[in-house]
């Protein structure tokens, strides 16, 4: 692919990629970063791209994957900070409660665990969760409601409530 052909494709894709980043992060600067990163990756793989096929779907998928990957990196740092704060406190009751909560969470279905953690540990809105998981906002709310109900039942049985 020639640089001119790539430039033409990049001009067409940039608004779409920024849109994906904007929906995910709700921030213009981060959306621009998403567009730049995906266009850079497309440039690096330009020799493997078939010009006869439309690469819009590929570019959008790459943008979504990039957003999720960056979000996961932030989540890991946040989770490590949370765990270190608990260990610094060295409060046995807090540790025990934390362990019971994690045990109760582990009994939920994986999809419920994931959505619950996104919402209540990582403070993502229903709209952000919907954008990440591609589940409708109504379904996200319904799954979270069921997960909370199950979690409360398990905590009640365990004597925490």
C-alpha atoms as a PDB file:
ATOM      1  CA  UNK A   1       0.000   0.000   0.000  1.00  0.00           C
ATOM      2  CA  UNK A   2       1.385   3.382  -0.916  1.00  0.00           C
ATOM      3  CA  UNK A   3       1.588   6.198   1.631  1.00  0.00           C
ATOM      4  CA  UNK A   4      -0.926   8.172  -0.441  1.00  0.00           C
ATOM      5  CA  UNK A   5      -3.437   5.308  -0.411  1.00  0.00           C
ATOM      6  CA  UNK A   6      -3.007   4.915   3.345  1.00  0.00           C
ATOM      7  CA  UNK A   7      -3.464   8.649   3.885  1.00  0.00           C
ATOM      8  CA  UNK A   8      -6.759   8.501   1.986  1.00  0.00           C
ATOM      9  CA  UNK A   9      -7.938   5.566   4.115  1.00  0.00           C
ATOM     10  CA  UNK A  10      -6.740   7.240   7.329  1.00  0.00           C
ATOM     11  CA  UNK A  11      -8.713  10.410   6.584  1.00  0.00           C
ATOM     12  CA  UNK A  12     -11.854   8.324   6.157  1.00  0.00           C
ATOM     13  CA  UNK A  13     -11.257   6.208   9.287  1.00  0.00           C
ATOM     14  CA  UNK A  14     -10.098   8.879  11.752  1.00  0.00           C
ATOM     15  CA  UNK A  15     -13.612  10.225  12.597  1.00  0.00           C
ATOM     16  CA  UNK A  16     -14.927   6.688  13.131  1.00  0.00           C
ATOM     17  CA  UNK A  17     -12.022   5.758  15.389  1.00  0.00           C
ATOM     18  CA  UNK A  18     -12.372   8.971  17.377  1.00  0.00           C
ATOM     19  CA  UNK A  19     -16.057   8.194  17.780  1.00  0.00           C
ATOM     20  CA  UNK A  20     -15.262   4.773  19.264  1.00  0.00           C
ATOM     21  CA  UNK A  21     -12.756   6.353  21.663  1.00  0.00           C
ATOM     22  CA  UNK A  22     -15.178   9.144  22.599  1.00  0.00           C
ATOM     23  CA  UNK A  23     -17.968   6.656  23.402  1.00  0.00           C
ATOM     24  CA  UNK A  24     -15.598   4.611  25.517  1.00  0.00           C
ATOM     25  CA  UNK A  25     -13.725   7.333  27.426  1.00  0.00           C
ATOM     26  CA  UNK A  26     -16.065  10.345  27.121  1.00  0.00           C
ATOM     27  CA  UNK A  27     -12.922  12.446  26.562  1.00  0.00           C
ATOM     28  CA  UNK A  28     -11.759  14.077  23.315  1.00  0.00           C
ATOM     29  CA  UNK A  29      -8.040  13.782  24.097  1.00  0.00           C
ATOM     30  CA  UNK A  30      -8.253  10.075  24.858  1.00  0.00           C
ATOM     31  CA  UNK A  31     -10.433   9.576  21.781  1.00  0.00           C
ATOM     32  CA  UNK A  32      -7.713  11.193  19.676  1.00  0.00           C
ATOM     33  CA  UNK A  33      -5.140   8.878  21.289  1.00  0.00           C
ATOM     34  CA  UNK A  34      -7.269   5.877  20.299  1.00  0.00           C
ATOM     35  CA  UNK A  35      -7.482   7.079  16.695  1.00  0.00           C
ATOM     36  CA  UNK A  36      -3.735   7.711  16.505  1.00  0.00           C
ATOM     37  CA  UNK A  37      -2.841   4.359  18.042  1.00  0.00           C
ATOM     38  CA  UNK A  38      -5.085   2.380  15.702  1.00  0.00           C
ATOM     39  CA  UNK A  39      -3.916   4.299  12.633  1.00  0.00           C
ATOM     40  CA  UNK A  40      -0.306   3.672  13.659  1.00  0.00           C
ATOM     41  CA  UNK A  41      -1.009  -0.049  14.000  1.00  0.00           C
ATOM     42  CA  UNK A  42      -2.744  -0.101  10.631  1.00  0.00           C
ATOM     43  CA  UNK A  43       0.255   1.669   9.103  1.00  0.00           C
ATOM     44  CA  UNK A  44       2.577  -0.977  10.535  1.00  0.00           C
ATOM     45  CA  UNK A  45       0.475  -3.734   8.971  1.00  0.00           C
ATOM     46  CA  UNK A  46      -0.223  -1.897   5.701  1.00  0.00           C
ATOM     47  CA  UNK A  47       1.592  -4.507   3.603  1.00  0.00           C
ATOM     48  CA  UNK A  48      -0.782  -7.214   4.841  1.00  0.00           C
ATOM     49  CA  UNK A  49      -3.964  -5.224   4.183  1.00  0.00           C
ATOM     50  CA  UNK A  50      -5.966  -6.163   1.107  1.00  0.00           C
ATOM     51  CA  UNK A  51      -6.981  -2.959  -0.662  1.00  0.00           C
ATOM     52  CA  UNK A  52      -9.889  -4.719  -2.348  1.00  0.00           C
ATOM     53  CA  UNK A  53     -11.598  -5.170   1.012  1.00  0.00           C
ATOM     54  CA  UNK A  54     -13.034  -2.474   3.251  1.00  0.00           C
ATOM     55  CA  UNK A  55     -10.972  -2.256   6.442  1.00  0.00           C
ATOM     56  CA  UNK A  56     -13.506  -0.206   8.398  1.00  0.00           C
ATOM     57  CA  UNK A  57     -14.706  -3.170  10.471  1.00  0.00           C
ATOM     58  CA  UNK A  58     -11.103  -4.173  11.218  1.00  0.00           C
ATOM     59  CA  UNK A  59     -10.218  -0.640  12.320  1.00  0.00           C
ATOM     60  CA  UNK A  60     -13.268  -0.331  14.565  1.00  0.00           C
ATOM     61  CA  UNK A  61     -12.574  -3.722  16.162  1.00  0.00           C
ATOM     62  CA  UNK A  62      -8.953  -2.677  16.730  1.00  0.00           C
ATOM     63  CA  UNK A  63     -10.140   0.554  18.386  1.00  0.00           C
ATOM     64  CA  UNK A  64     -12.517  -1.301  20.702  1.00  0.00           C
ATOM     65  CA  UNK A  65      -9.846  -3.833  21.601  1.00  0.00           C
ATOM     66  CA  UNK A  66      -7.355  -1.051  22.294  1.00  0.00           C
ATOM     67  CA  UNK A  67      -9.836   0.738  24.584  1.00  0.00           C
ATOM     68  CA  UNK A  68     -10.566  -2.420  26.547  1.00  0.00           C
ATOM     69  CA  UNK A  69      -6.870  -3.257  26.811  1.00  0.00           C
ATOM     70  CA  UNK A  70      -6.027   0.195  28.184  1.00  0.00           C
ATOM     71  CA  UNK A  71      -8.970   0.027  30.573  1.00  0.00           C
ATOM     72  CA  UNK A  72      -7.758  -3.342  31.879  1.00  0.00           C
ATOM     73  CA  UNK A  73      -4.272  -1.941  32.483  1.00  0.00           C
ATOM     74  CA  UNK A  74      -5.784   0.870  34.570  1.00  0.00           C
ATOM     75  CA  UNK A  75      -7.940  -1.656  36.433  1.00  0.00           C
ATOM     76  CA  UNK A  76      -4.940  -3.806  37.392  1.00  0.00           C
ATOM     77  CA  UNK A  77      -3.136  -0.788  38.852  1.00  0.00           C
ATOM     78  CA  UNK A  78      -6.298   0.237  40.731  1.00  0.00           C
ATOM     79  CA  UNK A  79      -6.801  -3.278  42.110  1.00  0.00           C
ATOM     80  CA  UNK A  80      -3.192  -3.482  43.298  1.00  0.00           C
ATOM     81  CA  UNK A  81      -3.587  -0.132  45.088  1.00  0.00           C
ATOM     82  CA  UNK A  82      -6.759  -1.379  46.801  1.00  0.00           C
ATOM     83  CA  UNK A  83      -5.069  -4.567  47.972  1.00  0.00           C
ATOM     84  CA  UNK A  84      -2.038  -2.662  49.265  1.00  0.00           C
ATOM     85  CA  UNK A  85      -4.295  -0.263  51.186  1.00  0.00           C
ATOM     86  CA  UNK A  86      -5.981  -3.206  52.910  1.00  0.00           C
ATOM     87  CA  UNK A  87      -2.650  -4.784  53.822  1.00  0.00           C
ATOM     88  CA  UNK A  88      -1.319  -1.463  55.150  1.00  0.00           C
ATOM     89  CA  UNK A  89      -4.304  -1.158  57.481  1.00  0.00           C
ATOM     90  CA  UNK A  90      -3.565  -4.657  58.805  1.00  0.00           C
ATOM     91  CA  UNK A  91      -7.093  -4.842  60.183  1.00  0.00           C
ATOM     92  CA  UNK A  92      -8.104  -8.464  60.635  1.00  0.00           C
ATOM     93  CA  UNK A  93     -11.843  -7.694  60.544  1.00  0.00           C
ATOM     94  CA  UNK A  94     -11.509  -5.778  57.298  1.00  0.00           C
ATOM     95  CA  UNK A  95      -9.461  -8.587  55.752  1.00  0.00           C
ATOM     96  CA  UNK A  96     -12.012 -11.176  56.837  1.00  0.00           C
ATOM     97  CA  UNK A  97     -14.892  -9.135  55.442  1.00  0.00           C
ATOM     98  CA  UNK A  98     -12.983  -8.571  52.204  1.00  0.00           C
ATOM     99  CA  UNK A  99     -12.332 -12.307  51.865  1.00  0.00           C
ATOM    100  CA  UNK A 100     -15.989 -13.167  52.509  1.00  0.00           C
ATOM    101  CA  UNK A 101     -17.104 -10.618  49.945  1.00  0.00           C
ATOM    102  CA  UNK A 102     -14.690 -12.013  47.355  1.00  0.00           C
ATOM    103  CA  UNK A 103     -15.879 -15.543  48.143  1.00  0.00           C
ATOM    104  CA  UNK A 104     -19.509 -14.485  47.670  1.00  0.00           C
ATOM    105  CA  UNK A 105     -18.589 -12.725  44.412  1.00  0.00           C
ATOM    106  CA  UNK A 106     -16.826 -15.842  43.152  1.00  0.00           C
ATOM    107  CA  UNK A 107     -20.092 -17.766  43.455  1.00  0.00           C
ATOM    108  CA  UNK A 108     -21.781 -15.494  40.923  1.00  0.00           C
ATOM    109  CA  UNK A 109     -21.738 -16.340  37.232  1.00  0.00           C
ATOM    110  CA  UNK A 110     -18.660 -15.007  35.439  1.00  0.00           C
ATOM    111  CA  UNK A 111     -20.718 -12.488  33.475  1.00  0.00           C
ATOM    112  CA  UNK A 112     -22.323 -11.229  36.693  1.00  0.00           C
ATOM    113  CA  UNK A 113     -18.933 -10.985  38.410  1.00  0.00           C
ATOM    114  CA  UNK A 114     -17.474  -9.020  35.529  1.00  0.00           C
ATOM    115  CA  UNK A 115     -20.344  -6.532  35.357  1.00  0.00           C
ATOM    116  CA  UNK A 116     -20.495  -6.179  39.152  1.00  0.00           C
ATOM    117  CA  UNK A 117     -16.779  -5.398  39.368  1.00  0.00           C
ATOM    118  CA  UNK A 118     -17.012  -2.941  36.467  1.00  0.00           C
ATOM    119  CA  UNK A 119     -19.841  -1.088  38.160  1.00  0.00           C
ATOM    120  CA  UNK A 120     -18.906  -1.128  41.838  1.00  0.00           C
ATOM    121  CA  UNK A 121     -15.145  -1.603  41.967  1.00  0.00           C
ATOM    122  CA  UNK A 122     -14.134   0.378  38.915  1.00  0.00           C
ATOM    123  CA  UNK A 123     -16.971   2.949  39.114  1.00  0.00           C
ATOM    124  CA  UNK A 124     -18.030   2.645  35.487  1.00  0.00           C
ATOM    125  CA  UNK A 125     -21.450   3.923  34.497  1.00  0.00           C
ATOM    126  CA  UNK A 126     -24.085   1.689  32.944  1.00  0.00           C
ATOM    127  CA  UNK A 127     -23.428   3.416  29.605  1.00  0.00           C
ATOM    128  CA  UNK A 128     -19.681   2.748  29.817  1.00  0.00           C
ATOM    129  CA  UNK A 129     -20.255  -0.891  30.714  1.00  0.00           C
ATOM    130  CA  UNK A 130     -22.679  -1.179  27.818  1.00  0.00           C
ATOM    131  CA  UNK A 131     -20.105   0.290  25.419  1.00  0.00           C
ATOM    132  CA  UNK A 132     -17.360  -2.036  26.649  1.00  0.00           C
ATOM    133  CA  UNK A 133     -19.391  -5.229  26.680  1.00  0.00           C
ATOM    134  CA  UNK A 134     -21.741  -4.411  23.802  1.00  0.00           C
ATOM    135  CA  UNK A 135     -24.692  -5.382  26.021  1.00  0.00           C
ATOM    136  CA  UNK A 136     -27.703  -3.061  26.014  1.00  0.00           C
ATOM    137  CA  UNK A 137     -27.922  -0.696  29.009  1.00  0.00           C
ATOM    138  CA  UNK A 138     -31.241  -2.253  30.044  1.00  0.00           C
ATOM    139  CA  UNK A 139     -29.675  -5.740  30.094  1.00  0.00           C
ATOM    140  CA  UNK A 140     -26.653  -4.472  32.039  1.00  0.00           C
ATOM    141  CA  UNK A 141     -29.000  -3.012  34.678  1.00  0.00           C
ATOM    142  CA  UNK A 142     -30.998  -6.225  34.842  1.00  0.00           C
ATOM    143  CA  UNK A 143     -27.895  -8.420  35.221  1.00  0.00           C
ATOM    144  CA  UNK A 144     -26.499  -6.117  37.927  1.00  0.00           C
ATOM    145  CA  UNK A 145     -29.793  -6.173  39.796  1.00  0.00           C
ATOM    146  CA  UNK A 146     -29.846  -9.977  39.808  1.00  0.00           C
ATOM    147  CA  UNK A 147     -26.181 -10.132  40.821  1.00  0.00           C
ATOM    148  CA  UNK A 148     -26.757  -7.778  43.761  1.00  0.00           C
ATOM    149  CA  UNK A 149     -29.733  -9.825  44.913  1.00  0.00           C
ATOM    150  CA  UNK A 150     -27.693 -13.065  44.782  1.00  0.00           C
ATOM    151  CA  UNK A 151     -24.755 -11.404  46.511  1.00  0.00           C
ATOM    152  CA  UNK A 152     -26.922 -10.086  49.353  1.00  0.00           C
ATOM    153  CA  UNK A 153     -28.470 -13.518  49.825  1.00  0.00           C
ATOM    154  CA  UNK A 154     -25.015 -15.125  50.071  1.00  0.00           C
ATOM    155  CA  UNK A 155     -23.766 -12.460  52.471  1.00  0.00           C
ATOM    156  CA  UNK A 156     -26.890 -12.856  54.611  1.00  0.00           C
ATOM    157  CA  UNK A 157     -26.318 -16.622  54.779  1.00  0.00           C
ATOM    158  CA  UNK A 158     -22.665 -15.999  55.706  1.00  0.00           C
ATOM    159  CA  UNK A 159     -23.660 -13.721  58.591  1.00  0.00           C
ATOM    160  CA  UNK A 160     -22.252 -10.488  57.172  1.00  0.00           C
ATOM    161  CA  UNK A 161     -25.629  -8.755  56.925  1.00  0.00           C
END
